[in-house]
Amino acid sequence: MKNIPKGTYTVTVRLLGYQTKKEKIEFTNDSIENYSTTLREDYGSLVEVVFSVS
């Protein structure tokens, strides 16, 4: 991620079949930041499939 103004942001990561994860990330300078996370499987969320077109 780059060119993000300084501050604290909440990142939401969603992937079908996995639990949604929200994490706070703080940007303190204008450098490029790397972000890595791990999602937990959630087979119960496969009951419904949602398609989205943009």
C-alpha atoms as a PDB file:
ATOM      1  CA  MET A   1       0.000   0.000   0.000  1.00  0.00           C
ATOM      2  CA  LYS A   2       1.376   3.404  -0.833  1.00  0.00           C
ATOM      3  CA  ASN A   3       0.318   7.062  -0.887  1.00  0.00           C
ATOM      4  CA  ILE A   4      -1.927   6.610   2.171  1.00  0.00           C
ATOM      5  CA  PRO A   5      -2.247   9.748   4.344  1.00  0.00           C
ATOM      6  CA  LYS A   6      -0.846   9.462   7.883  1.00  0.00           C
ATOM      7  CA  GLY A   7      -3.316   8.108  10.415  1.00  0.00           C
ATOM      8  CA  THR A   8      -4.919   4.964  11.771  1.00  0.00           C
ATOM      9  CA  TYR A   9      -7.235   2.962   9.510  1.00  0.00           C
ATOM     10  CA  THR A  10      -9.383  -0.132   9.946  1.00  0.00           C
ATOM     11  CA  VAL A  11      -8.771  -2.752   7.260  1.00  0.00           C
ATOM     12  CA  THR A  12     -11.542  -5.300   6.654  1.00  0.00           C
ATOM     13  CA  VAL A  13     -10.603  -8.524   4.871  1.00  0.00           C
ATOM     14  CA  ARG A  14     -13.384 -10.782   3.558  1.00  0.00           C
ATOM     15  CA  LEU A  15     -13.125 -14.003   1.584  1.00  0.00           C
ATOM     16  CA  LEU A  16     -15.870 -16.529   0.931  1.00  0.00           C
ATOM     17  CA  GLY A  17     -15.441 -19.541   3.200  1.00  0.00           C
ATOM     18  CA  TYR A  18     -13.352 -17.604   5.761  1.00  0.00           C
ATOM     19  CA  GLN A  19     -14.144 -15.474   8.800  1.00  0.00           C
ATOM     20  CA  THR A  20     -14.118 -11.722   8.220  1.00  0.00           C
ATOM     21  CA  LYS A  21     -11.187 -10.026   9.912  1.00  0.00           C
ATOM     22  CA  LYS A  22     -10.839  -6.375  10.936  1.00  0.00           C
ATOM     23  CA  GLU A  23      -7.484  -4.933  11.963  1.00  0.00           C
ATOM     24  CA  LYS A  24      -6.220  -1.443  12.686  1.00  0.00           C
ATOM     25  CA  ILE A  25      -3.180  -0.269  10.737  1.00  0.00           C
ATOM     26  CA  GLU A  26      -1.259   2.907  11.514  1.00  0.00           C
ATOM     27  CA  PHE A  27       0.528   4.802   8.753  1.00  0.00           C
ATOM     28  CA  THR A  28       3.232   7.092  10.116  1.00  0.00           C
ATOM     29  CA  ASN A  29       5.205   8.116   7.023  1.00  0.00           C
ATOM     30  CA  ASP A  30       5.085   8.191   3.230  1.00  0.00           C
ATOM     31  CA  SER A  31       6.900   4.896   2.711  1.00  0.00           C
ATOM     32  CA  ILE A  32       5.372   1.791   1.155  1.00  0.00           C
ATOM     33  CA  GLU A  33       3.798  -0.466   3.794  1.00  0.00           C
ATOM     34  CA  ASN A  34       3.390  -4.230   3.503  1.00  0.00           C
ATOM     35  CA  TYR A  35       0.365  -5.869   5.115  1.00  0.00           C
ATOM     36  CA  SER A  36      -0.064  -9.563   5.809  1.00  0.00           C
ATOM     37  CA  THR A  37      -2.802 -11.416   7.658  1.00  0.00           C
ATOM     38  CA  THR A  38      -4.220 -14.912   8.120  1.00  0.00           C
ATOM     39  CA  LEU A  39      -7.906 -15.781   7.855  1.00  0.00           C
ATOM     40  CA  ARG A  40      -9.630 -18.644   9.666  1.00  0.00           C
ATOM     41  CA  GLU A  41     -11.831 -21.062   7.728  1.00  0.00           C
ATOM     42  CA  ASP A  42     -15.590 -20.718   8.267  1.00  0.00           C
ATOM     43  CA  TYR A  43     -17.497 -23.414   6.399  1.00  0.00           C
ATOM     44  CA  GLY A  44     -20.778 -22.230   7.946  1.00  0.00           C
ATOM     45  CA  SER A  45     -20.632 -19.128   5.767  1.00  0.00           C
ATOM     46  CA  LEU A  46     -20.982 -21.250   2.609  1.00  0.00           C
ATOM     47  CA  VAL A  47     -24.752 -21.566   3.084  1.00  0.00           C
ATOM     48  CA  GLU A  48     -25.319 -18.469   0.945  1.00  0.00           C
ATOM     49  CA  VAL A  49     -23.450 -17.244  -2.119  1.00  0.00           C
ATOM     50  CA  VAL A  50     -23.659 -13.582  -3.113  1.00  0.00           C
ATOM     51  CA  PHE A  51     -22.650 -12.333  -6.561  1.00  0.00           C
ATOM     52  CA  SER A  52     -21.754  -8.696  -7.052  1.00  0.00           C
ATOM     53  CA  VAL A  53     -21.158  -6.943 -10.375  1.00  0.00           C
ATOM     54  CA  SER A  54     -19.616  -3.507 -10.667  1.00  0.00           C
END
